[in-house]
């Protein structure tokens, strides 16, 4: 029984707290909009940033429809043009996600 319990805990700890899609684009050249869609719940979130550069910038995300869950994350772009997001513990412990393309799928 201990063996089965240990295996179940090991499996549960490897599941990502975030599994979804990220996309980004400019709004009239003044700011970038970062959009996230959570594949687990179907919820979507939007945040605004003035230029996605190589240094992490704090972005505040708003839930688009329910407005029940708002959170902050650090967002930046690497030299290869890929997007990075550090969820900073949002969604029950999500960490860092990285993906290339726009939009792109990521897990954290």
C-alpha atoms as a PDB file:
ATOM      1  CA  UNK A   1       0.000   0.000   0.000  1.00  0.00           C
ATOM      2  CA  UNK A   2       2.837   2.420   0.754  1.00  0.00           C
ATOM      3  CA  UNK A   3       4.270   1.778  -2.690  1.00  0.00           C
ATOM      4  CA  UNK A   4       0.985   2.690  -4.393  1.00  0.00           C
ATOM      5  CA  UNK A   5       0.598   5.834  -2.288  1.00  0.00           C
ATOM      6  CA  UNK A   6       4.130   6.967  -3.106  1.00  0.00           C
ATOM      7  CA  UNK A   7       3.576   6.430  -6.847  1.00  0.00           C
ATOM      8  CA  UNK A   8       0.329   8.410  -6.762  1.00  0.00           C
ATOM      9  CA  UNK A   9       2.046  11.311  -4.980  1.00  0.00           C
ATOM     10  CA  UNK A  10       4.957  11.262  -7.414  1.00  0.00           C
ATOM     11  CA  UNK A  11       2.563  11.380 -10.364  1.00  0.00           C
ATOM     12  CA  UNK A  12       0.512  14.218  -8.871  1.00  0.00           C
ATOM     13  CA  UNK A  13       3.592  16.333  -8.189  1.00  0.00           C
ATOM     14  CA  UNK A  14       4.692  16.161 -11.833  1.00  0.00           C
ATOM     15  CA  UNK A  15       1.459  17.666 -13.192  1.00  0.00           C
ATOM     16  CA  UNK A  16       1.803  21.287 -14.331  1.00  0.00           C
ATOM     17  CA  UNK A  17      -0.184  23.913 -12.439  1.00  0.00           C
ATOM     18  CA  UNK A  18      -0.631  25.799 -15.733  1.00  0.00           C
ATOM     19  CA  UNK A  19      -1.371  24.247 -19.104  1.00  0.00           C
ATOM     20  CA  UNK A  20      -2.477  26.623 -21.806  1.00  0.00           C
ATOM     21  CA  UNK A  21      -1.677  29.035 -24.597  1.00  0.00           C
ATOM     22  CA  UNK A  22       0.001  32.428 -24.662  1.00  0.00           C
ATOM     23  CA  UNK A  23      -0.195  35.037 -27.412  1.00  0.00           C
ATOM     24  CA  UNK A  24       0.895  38.639 -27.654  1.00  0.00           C
ATOM     25  CA  UNK A  25       0.598  41.619 -29.961  1.00  0.00           C
ATOM     26  CA  UNK A  26       0.755  45.417 -30.132  1.00  0.00           C
ATOM     27  CA  UNK A  27      -2.065  47.842 -29.476  1.00  0.00           C
ATOM     28  CA  UNK A  28      -1.616  51.005 -31.573  1.00  0.00           C
ATOM     29  CA  UNK A  29       2.151  50.824 -30.959  1.00  0.00           C
ATOM     30  CA  UNK A  30       1.680  52.037 -27.381  1.00  0.00           C
ATOM     31  CA  UNK A  31       1.589  48.754 -25.491  1.00  0.00           C
ATOM     32  CA  UNK A  32       1.667  45.017 -25.968  1.00  0.00           C
ATOM     33  CA  UNK A  33      -1.231  42.844 -24.936  1.00  0.00           C
ATOM     34  CA  UNK A  34      -0.440  39.408 -23.524  1.00  0.00           C
ATOM     35  CA  UNK A  35      -3.306  36.905 -23.655  1.00  0.00           C
ATOM     36  CA  UNK A  36      -3.413  33.550 -21.890  1.00  0.00           C
ATOM     37  CA  UNK A  37      -5.946  30.747 -22.216  1.00  0.00           C
ATOM     38  CA  UNK A  38      -6.115  28.030 -19.556  1.00  0.00           C
ATOM     39  CA  UNK A  39      -6.788  24.667 -21.234  1.00  0.00           C
ATOM     40  CA  UNK A  40      -7.906  23.120 -17.935  1.00  0.00           C
ATOM     41  CA  UNK A  41     -10.698  25.600 -17.168  1.00  0.00           C
ATOM     42  CA  UNK A  42     -11.258  27.482 -20.421  1.00  0.00           C
ATOM     43  CA  UNK A  43     -10.625  30.781 -18.632  1.00  0.00           C
ATOM     44  CA  UNK A  44      -8.751  33.530 -20.430  1.00  0.00           C
ATOM     45  CA  UNK A  45      -6.615  36.326 -19.016  1.00  0.00           C
ATOM     46  CA  UNK A  46      -5.252  39.587 -20.420  1.00  0.00           C
ATOM     47  CA  UNK A  47      -2.314  41.721 -19.320  1.00  0.00           C
ATOM     48  CA  UNK A  48      -0.639  44.808 -20.761  1.00  0.00           C
ATOM     49  CA  UNK A  49       3.070  45.565 -21.040  1.00  0.00           C
ATOM     50  CA  UNK A  50       5.048  48.372 -22.672  1.00  0.00           C
ATOM     51  CA  UNK A  51       7.356  46.370 -24.911  1.00  0.00           C
ATOM     52  CA  UNK A  52       8.342  42.774 -24.191  1.00  0.00           C
ATOM     53  CA  UNK A  53      12.110  42.981 -23.823  1.00  0.00           C
ATOM     54  CA  UNK A  54      14.922  40.835 -22.470  1.00  0.00           C
ATOM     55  CA  UNK A  55      14.401  42.027 -18.880  1.00  0.00           C
ATOM     56  CA  UNK A  56      11.551  40.588 -16.832  1.00  0.00           C
ATOM     57  CA  UNK A  57       8.671  43.018 -16.368  1.00  0.00           C
ATOM     58  CA  UNK A  58       5.800  42.639 -13.934  1.00  0.00           C
ATOM     59  CA  UNK A  59       2.447  42.230 -15.695  1.00  0.00           C
ATOM     60  CA  UNK A  60      -0.926  42.227 -13.935  1.00  0.00           C
ATOM     61  CA  UNK A  61      -3.381  39.815 -15.564  1.00  0.00           C
ATOM     62  CA  UNK A  62      -7.166  40.131 -15.437  1.00  0.00           C
ATOM     63  CA  UNK A  63      -9.617  37.292 -15.970  1.00  0.00           C
ATOM     64  CA  UNK A  64     -11.559  38.273 -19.082  1.00  0.00           C
ATOM     65  CA  UNK A  65     -15.080  37.084 -18.289  1.00  0.00           C
ATOM     66  CA  UNK A  66     -15.605  35.953 -14.722  1.00  0.00           C
ATOM     67  CA  UNK A  67     -13.249  38.593 -13.256  1.00  0.00           C
ATOM     68  CA  UNK A  68     -12.767  36.338 -10.257  1.00  0.00           C
ATOM     69  CA  UNK A  69      -9.029  35.646 -10.514  1.00  0.00           C
ATOM     70  CA  UNK A  70      -6.425  38.325 -11.134  1.00  0.00           C
ATOM     71  CA  UNK A  71      -2.683  37.775 -10.657  1.00  0.00           C
ATOM     72  CA  UNK A  72       0.797  39.062 -11.486  1.00  0.00           C
ATOM     73  CA  UNK A  73       3.600  37.442 -13.456  1.00  0.00           C
ATOM     74  CA  UNK A  74       7.016  38.377 -14.809  1.00  0.00           C
ATOM     75  CA  UNK A  75       7.181  38.358 -18.628  1.00  0.00           C
ATOM     76  CA  UNK A  76      10.216  38.671 -20.920  1.00  0.00           C
ATOM     77  CA  UNK A  77      11.600  37.583 -24.282  1.00  0.00           C
ATOM     78  CA  UNK A  78      14.861  35.680 -24.790  1.00  0.00           C
ATOM     79  CA  UNK A  79      17.403  36.458 -27.529  1.00  0.00           C
ATOM     80  CA  UNK A  80      15.865  33.744 -29.724  1.00  0.00           C
ATOM     81  CA  UNK A  81      12.554  35.657 -29.637  1.00  0.00           C
ATOM     82  CA  UNK A  82      10.752  33.159 -27.413  1.00  0.00           C
ATOM     83  CA  UNK A  83       8.406  34.316 -24.664  1.00  0.00           C
ATOM     84  CA  UNK A  84       8.971  33.532 -20.988  1.00  0.00           C
ATOM     85  CA  UNK A  85       6.532  33.851 -18.132  1.00  0.00           C
ATOM     86  CA  UNK A  86       7.165  33.309 -14.443  1.00  0.00           C
ATOM     87  CA  UNK A  87       3.760  32.715 -12.888  1.00  0.00           C
ATOM     88  CA  UNK A  88       5.221  33.454  -9.419  1.00  0.00           C
ATOM     89  CA  UNK A  89       3.082  30.814  -7.747  1.00  0.00           C
ATOM     90  CA  UNK A  90      -0.266  31.742  -9.332  1.00  0.00           C
ATOM     91  CA  UNK A  91      -2.635  28.872 -10.126  1.00  0.00           C
ATOM     92  CA  UNK A  92      -1.627  26.885  -7.073  1.00  0.00           C
ATOM     93  CA  UNK A  93       2.105  26.869  -7.652  1.00  0.00           C
ATOM     94  CA  UNK A  94       2.829  27.435 -11.344  1.00  0.00           C
ATOM     95  CA  UNK A  95       6.444  28.318 -12.012  1.00  0.00           C
ATOM     96  CA  UNK A  96       8.255  29.293 -15.200  1.00  0.00           C
ATOM     97  CA  UNK A  97       6.943  28.634 -18.699  1.00  0.00           C
ATOM     98  CA  UNK A  98       8.752  29.132 -22.014  1.00  0.00           C
ATOM     99  CA  UNK A  99       7.587  28.743 -25.594  1.00  0.00           C
ATOM    100  CA  UNK A 100       8.359  29.924 -29.107  1.00  0.00           C
ATOM    101  CA  UNK A 101       5.841  31.117 -31.659  1.00  0.00           C
ATOM    102  CA  UNK A 102       2.787  33.280 -31.434  1.00  0.00           C
ATOM    103  CA  UNK A 103       0.522  31.850 -30.221  1.00  0.00           C
ATOM    104  CA  UNK A 104       2.256  28.958 -28.488  1.00  0.00           C
ATOM    105  CA  UNK A 105       1.407  26.286 -25.927  1.00  0.00           C
ATOM    106  CA  UNK A 106       3.146  26.198 -22.569  1.00  0.00           C
ATOM    107  CA  UNK A 107       3.088  24.356 -19.272  1.00  0.00           C
ATOM    108  CA  UNK A 108       4.474  25.557 -15.964  1.00  0.00           C
END
